[in-house]
Amino acid sequence: MQTGKLFPLWQNILHSLSFQSRRDFLPDILALNSVIYALGDRAAVAEVLIAIQDVGRWCP
């Protein structure tokens, strides 16, 4: 799928996931790894991992 078509879908998915608890969100975001990679390559996947680690440190 082209990035231009994928990005609006990604925005909708993230909006829906934002209503979940962290416990429920993490498995879903991991399942979407291929979408994250398609939108931003390795750098995007790395940034998501860093963000998850940051939140884990801030909100144990």
PDB file of N, CA and C in Angstrom:
ATOM      1  N   MET A   1       0.848  -1.182   0.000  1.00  0.00           N
ATOM      2  CA  MET A   1       0.000   0.000   0.000  1.00  0.00           C
ATOM      3  C   MET A   1       0.883   1.231   0.000  1.00  0.00           C
ATOM      4  N   GLN A   2       0.477   2.223  -0.741  1.00  0.00           N
ATOM      5  CA  GLN A   2       1.244   3.467  -0.807  1.00  0.00           C
ATOM      6  C   GLN A   2       1.158   4.210   0.520  1.00  0.00           C
ATOM      7  N   THR A   3       2.266   4.865   0.866  1.00  0.00           N
ATOM      8  CA  THR A   3       2.328   5.603   2.126  1.00  0.00           C
ATOM      9  C   THR A   3       1.234   6.653   2.211  1.00  0.00           C
ATOM     10  N   GLY A   4       0.932   7.303   1.101  1.00  0.00           N
ATOM     11  CA  GLY A   4      -0.108   8.327   1.099  1.00  0.00           C
ATOM     12  C   GLY A   4      -1.469   7.792   1.480  1.00  0.00           C
ATOM     13  N   LYS A   5      -1.734   6.540   1.154  1.00  0.00           N
ATOM     14  CA  LYS A   5      -3.005   5.914   1.528  1.00  0.00           C
ATOM     15  C   LYS A   5      -2.933   5.293   2.919  1.00  0.00           C
ATOM     16  N   LEU A   6      -1.751   4.863   3.297  1.00  0.00           N
ATOM     17  CA  LEU A   6      -1.569   4.200   4.575  1.00  0.00           C
ATOM     18  C   LEU A   6      -1.611   5.173   5.752  1.00  0.00           C
ATOM     19  N   PHE A   7      -1.087   6.366   5.553  1.00  0.00           N
ATOM     20  CA  PHE A   7      -0.986   7.313   6.668  1.00  0.00           C
ATOM     21  C   PHE A   7      -2.340   7.685   7.275  1.00  0.00           C
ATOM     22  N   PRO A   8      -3.369   8.016   6.481  1.00  0.00           N
ATOM     23  CA  PRO A   8      -4.669   8.325   7.097  1.00  0.00           C
ATOM     24  C   PRO A   8      -5.255   7.134   7.870  1.00  0.00           C
ATOM     25  N   LEU A   9      -5.037   5.929   7.371  1.00  0.00           N
ATOM     26  CA  LEU A   9      -5.490   4.746   8.109  1.00  0.00           C
ATOM     27  C   LEU A   9      -4.750   4.624   9.430  1.00  0.00           C
ATOM     28  N   TRP A  10      -3.447   4.882   9.399  1.00  0.00           N
ATOM     29  CA  TRP A  10      -2.618   4.846  10.601  1.00  0.00           C
ATOM     30  C   TRP A  10      -3.128   5.861  11.630  1.00  0.00           C
ATOM     31  N   GLN A  11      -3.474   7.042  11.176  1.00  0.00           N
ATOM     32  CA  GLN A  11      -3.993   8.061  12.090  1.00  0.00           C
ATOM     33  C   GLN A  11      -5.281   7.581  12.763  1.00  0.00           C
ATOM     34  N   ASN A  12      -6.153   6.958  12.003  1.00  0.00           N
ATOM     35  CA  ASN A  12      -7.403   6.447  12.566  1.00  0.00           C
ATOM     36  C   ASN A  12      -7.147   5.324  13.566  1.00  0.00           C
ATOM     37  N   ILE A  13      -6.222   4.451  13.232  1.00  0.00           N
ATOM     38  CA  ILE A  13      -5.875   3.350  14.142  1.00  0.00           C
ATOM     39  C   ILE A  13      -5.318   3.905  15.443  1.00  0.00           C
ATOM     40  N   LEU A  14      -4.383   4.842  15.353  1.00  0.00           N
ATOM     41  CA  LEU A  14      -3.798   5.422  16.572  1.00  0.00           C
ATOM     42  C   LEU A  14      -4.847   6.120  17.426  1.00  0.00           C
ATOM     43  N   HIS A  15      -5.756   6.808  16.776  1.00  0.00           N
ATOM     44  CA  HIS A  15      -6.826   7.482  17.537  1.00  0.00           C
ATOM     45  C   HIS A  15      -7.642   6.443  18.303  1.00  0.00           C
ATOM     46  N   SER A  16      -8.004   5.361  17.650  1.00  0.00           N
ATOM     47  CA  SER A  16      -8.776   4.306  18.319  1.00  0.00           C
ATOM     48  C   SER A  16      -7.981   3.680  19.459  1.00  0.00           C
ATOM     49  N   LEU A  17      -6.711   3.421  19.224  1.00  0.00           N
ATOM     50  CA  LEU A  17      -5.878   2.802  20.255  1.00  0.00           C
ATOM     51  C   LEU A  17      -5.634   3.725  21.443  1.00  0.00           C
ATOM     52  N   SER A  18      -5.740   5.016  21.229  1.00  0.00           N
ATOM     53  CA  SER A  18      -5.451   5.972  22.305  1.00  0.00           C
ATOM     54  C   SER A  18      -6.435   5.869  23.470  1.00  0.00           C
ATOM     55  N   PHE A  19      -7.543   5.202  23.271  1.00  0.00           N
ATOM     56  CA  PHE A  19      -8.534   5.047  24.335  1.00  0.00           C
ATOM     57  C   PHE A  19      -8.266   3.818  25.201  1.00  0.00           C
ATOM     58  N   GLN A  20      -7.258   3.044  24.848  1.00  0.00           N
ATOM     59  CA  GLN A  20      -6.935   1.830  25.593  1.00  0.00           C
ATOM     60  C   GLN A  20      -5.972   2.128  26.733  1.00  0.00           C
ATOM     61  N   SER A  21      -5.929   1.186  27.663  1.00  0.00           N
ATOM     62  CA  SER A  21      -4.915   1.265  28.712  1.00  0.00           C
ATOM     63  C   SER A  21      -3.566   0.910  28.099  1.00  0.00           C
ATOM     64  N   ARG A  22      -2.491   1.264  28.789  1.00  0.00           N
ATOM     65  CA  ARG A  22      -1.160   0.908  28.300  1.00  0.00           C
ATOM     66  C   ARG A  22      -1.008  -0.598  28.149  1.00  0.00           C
ATOM     67  N   ARG A  23      -1.559  -1.333  29.083  1.00  0.00           N
ATOM     68  CA  ARG A  23      -1.464  -2.795  29.042  1.00  0.00           C
ATOM     69  C   ARG A  23      -2.082  -3.354  27.762  1.00  0.00           C
ATOM     70  N   ASP A  24      -3.201  -2.800  27.347  1.00  0.00           N
ATOM     71  CA  ASP A  24      -3.864  -3.256  26.122  1.00  0.00           C
ATOM     72  C   ASP A  24      -3.226  -2.666  24.868  1.00  0.00           C
ATOM     73  N   PHE A  25      -2.666  -1.476  24.999  1.00  0.00           N
ATOM     74  CA  PHE A  25      -2.084  -0.783  23.853  1.00  0.00           C
ATOM     75  C   PHE A  25      -0.801  -1.448  23.347  1.00  0.00           C
ATOM     76  N   LEU A  26       0.048  -1.872  24.260  1.00  0.00           N
ATOM     77  CA  LEU A  26       1.360  -2.401  23.868  1.00  0.00           C
ATOM     78  C   LEU A  26       1.290  -3.589  22.902  1.00  0.00           C
ATOM     79  N   PRO A  27       0.483  -4.609  23.173  1.00  0.00           N
ATOM     80  CA  PRO A  27       0.422  -5.712  22.194  1.00  0.00           C
ATOM     81  C   PRO A  27      -0.080  -5.248  20.821  1.00  0.00           C
ATOM     82  N   ASP A  28      -1.004  -4.291  20.826  1.00  0.00           N
ATOM     83  CA  ASP A  28      -1.524  -3.792  19.547  1.00  0.00           C
ATOM     84  C   ASP A  28      -0.465  -3.019  18.774  1.00  0.00           C
ATOM     85  N   ILE A  29       0.277  -2.179  19.463  1.00  0.00           N
ATOM     86  CA  ILE A  29       1.299  -1.398  18.759  1.00  0.00           C
ATOM     87  C   ILE A  29       2.408  -2.327  18.243  1.00  0.00           C
ATOM     88  N   LEU A  30       2.707  -3.373  18.994  1.00  0.00           N
ATOM     89  CA  LEU A  30       3.699  -4.343  18.524  1.00  0.00           C
ATOM     90  C   LEU A  30       3.187  -5.094  17.295  1.00  0.00           C
ATOM     91  N   ALA A  31       1.898  -5.392  17.270  1.00  0.00           N
ATOM     92  CA  ALA A  31       1.308  -6.072  16.116  1.00  0.00           C
ATOM     93  C   ALA A  31       1.335  -5.183  14.872  1.00  0.00           C
ATOM     94  N   LEU A  32       1.405  -3.879  15.069  1.00  0.00           N
ATOM     95  CA  LEU A  32       1.422  -2.925  13.960  1.00  0.00           C
ATOM     96  C   LEU A  32       2.840  -2.547  13.532  1.00  0.00           C
ATOM     97  N   ASN A  33       3.811  -3.298  13.973  1.00  0.00           N
ATOM     98  CA  ASN A  33       5.204  -3.028  13.663  1.00  0.00           C
ATOM     99  C   ASN A  33       5.442  -2.883  12.159  1.00  0.00           C
ATOM    100  N   SER A  34       4.825  -3.728  11.360  1.00  0.00           N
ATOM    101  CA  SER A  34       5.043  -3.666   9.907  1.00  0.00           C
ATOM    102  C   SER A  34       4.482  -2.375   9.316  1.00  0.00           C
ATOM    103  N   VAL A  35       3.397  -1.861   9.891  1.00  0.00           N
ATOM    104  CA  VAL A  35       2.829  -0.600   9.423  1.00  0.00           C
ATOM    105  C   VAL A  35       3.770   0.550   9.783  1.00  0.00           C
ATOM    106  N   ILE A  36       4.279   0.522  11.005  1.00  0.00           N
ATOM    107  CA  ILE A  36       5.222   1.552  11.442  1.00  0.00           C
ATOM    108  C   ILE A  36       6.451   1.547  10.534  1.00  0.00           C
ATOM    109  N   TYR A  37       6.934   0.361  10.218  1.00  0.00           N
ATOM    110  CA  TYR A  37       8.098   0.236   9.338  1.00  0.00           C
ATOM    111  C   TYR A  37       7.782   0.768   7.940  1.00  0.00           C
ATOM    112  N   ALA A  38       6.603   0.445   7.442  1.00  0.00           N
ATOM    113  CA  ALA A  38       6.215   0.906   6.101  1.00  0.00           C
ATOM    114  C   ALA A  38       6.126   2.428   6.034  1.00  0.00           C
ATOM    115  N   LEU A  39       5.706   3.043   7.133  1.00  0.00           N
ATOM    116  CA  LEU A  39       5.564   4.504   7.142  1.00  0.00           C
ATOM    117  C   LEU A  39       6.874   5.232   7.400  1.00  0.00           C
ATOM    118  N   GLY A  40       7.793   4.602   8.131  1.00  0.00           N
ATOM    119  CA  GLY A  40       8.986   5.349   8.501  1.00  0.00           C
ATOM    120  C   GLY A  40      10.272   4.573   8.536  1.00  0.00           C
ATOM    121  N   ASP A  41      10.263   3.330   8.088  1.00  0.00           N
ATOM    122  CA  ASP A  41      11.464   2.513   8.027  1.00  0.00           C
ATOM    123  C   ASP A  41      11.983   2.216   9.435  1.00  0.00           C
ATOM    124  N   ARG A  42      13.229   1.830   9.522  1.00  0.00           N
ATOM    125  CA  ARG A  42      13.833   1.436  10.797  1.00  0.00           C
ATOM    126  C   ARG A  42      13.814   2.564  11.822  1.00  0.00           C
ATOM    127  N   ALA A  43      13.991   3.769  11.360  1.00  0.00           N
ATOM    128  CA  ALA A  43      14.036   4.910  12.285  1.00  0.00           C
ATOM    129  C   ALA A  43      12.723   5.050  13.047  1.00  0.00           C
ATOM    130  N   ALA A  44      11.611   4.860  12.378  1.00  0.00           N
ATOM    131  CA  ALA A  44      10.306   4.976  13.035  1.00  0.00           C
ATOM    132  C   ALA A  44      10.116   3.870  14.067  1.00  0.00           C
ATOM    133  N   VAL A  45      10.510   2.667  13.713  1.00  0.00           N
ATOM    134  CA  VAL A  45      10.403   1.551  14.661  1.00  0.00           C
ATOM    135  C   VAL A  45      11.269   1.830  15.892  1.00  0.00           C
ATOM    136  N   ALA A  46      12.462   2.319  15.680  1.00  0.00           N
ATOM    137  CA  ALA A  46      13.357   2.646  16.794  1.00  0.00           C
ATOM    138  C   ALA A  46      12.766   3.748  17.671  1.00  0.00           C
ATOM    139  N   GLU A  47      12.170   4.757  17.063  1.00  0.00           N
ATOM    140  CA  GLU A  47      11.579   5.857  17.836  1.00  0.00           C
ATOM    141  C   GLU A  47      10.397   5.379  18.673  1.00  0.00           C
ATOM    142  N   VAL A  48       9.599   4.477  18.120  1.00  0.00           N
ATOM    143  CA  VAL A  48       8.479   3.926  18.889  1.00  0.00           C
ATOM    144  C   VAL A  48       9.008   3.143  20.087  1.00  0.00           C
ATOM    145  N   LEU A  49      10.025   2.349  19.879  1.00  0.00           N
ATOM    146  CA  LEU A  49      10.620   1.594  20.976  1.00  0.00           C
ATOM    147  C   LEU A  49      11.155   2.521  22.061  1.00  0.00           C
ATOM    148  N   ILE A  50      11.837   3.558  21.670  1.00  0.00           N
ATOM    149  CA  ILE A  50      12.365   4.532  22.642  1.00  0.00           C
ATOM    150  C   ILE A  50      11.225   5.198  23.406  1.00  0.00           C
ATOM    151  N   ALA A  51      10.156   5.555  22.705  1.00  0.00           N
ATOM    152  CA  ALA A  51       9.006   6.193  23.363  1.00  0.00           C
ATOM    153  C   ALA A  51       8.355   5.246  24.373  1.00  0.00           C
ATOM    154  N   ILE A  52       8.242   3.984  24.017  1.00  0.00           N
ATOM    155  CA  ILE A  52       7.666   3.001  24.944  1.00  0.00           C
ATOM    156  C   ILE A  52       8.556   2.859  26.178  1.00  0.00           C
ATOM    157  N   GLN A  53       9.856   2.796  25.975  1.00  0.00           N
ATOM    158  CA  GLN A  53      10.778   2.699  27.103  1.00  0.00           C
ATOM    159  C   GLN A  53      10.701   3.940  27.986  1.00  0.00           C
ATOM    160  N   ASP A  54      10.608   5.113  27.381  1.00  0.00           N
ATOM    161  CA  ASP A  54      10.492   6.367  28.141  1.00  0.00           C
ATOM    162  C   ASP A  54       9.238   6.350  29.021  1.00  0.00           C
ATOM    163  N   VAL A  55       8.124   6.000  28.438  1.00  0.00           N
ATOM    164  CA  VAL A  55       6.875   5.974  29.205  1.00  0.00           C
ATOM    165  C   VAL A  55       6.977   4.963  30.334  1.00  0.00           C
ATOM    166  N   GLY A  56       7.616   3.833  30.082  1.00  0.00           N
ATOM    167  CA  GLY A  56       7.800   2.838  31.127  1.00  0.00           C
ATOM    168  C   GLY A  56       8.607   3.357  32.301  1.00  0.00           C
ATOM    169  N   ARG A  57       9.571   4.202  32.010  1.00  0.00           N
ATOM    170  CA  ARG A  57      10.382   4.799  33.087  1.00  0.00           C
ATOM    171  C   ARG A  57       9.611   5.886  33.835  1.00  0.00           C
ATOM    172  N   TRP A  58       8.809   6.647  33.111  1.00  0.00           N
ATOM    173  CA  TRP A  58       8.079   7.755  33.732  1.00  0.00           C
ATOM    174  C   TRP A  58       6.864   7.279  34.515  1.00  0.00           C
ATOM    175  N   CYS A  59       6.224   6.239  34.053  1.00  0.00           N
ATOM    176  CA  CYS A  59       4.953   5.778  34.643  1.00  0.00           C
ATOM    177  C   CYS A  59       5.006   4.284  34.909  1.00  0.00           C
ATOM    178  N   PRO A  60       5.746   3.881  35.917  1.00  0.00           N
ATOM    179  CA  PRO A  60       5.877   2.423  36.172  1.00  0.00           C
ATOM    180  C   PRO A  60       4.565   1.768  36.548  1.00  0.00           C
TER     181      PRO A  60
END
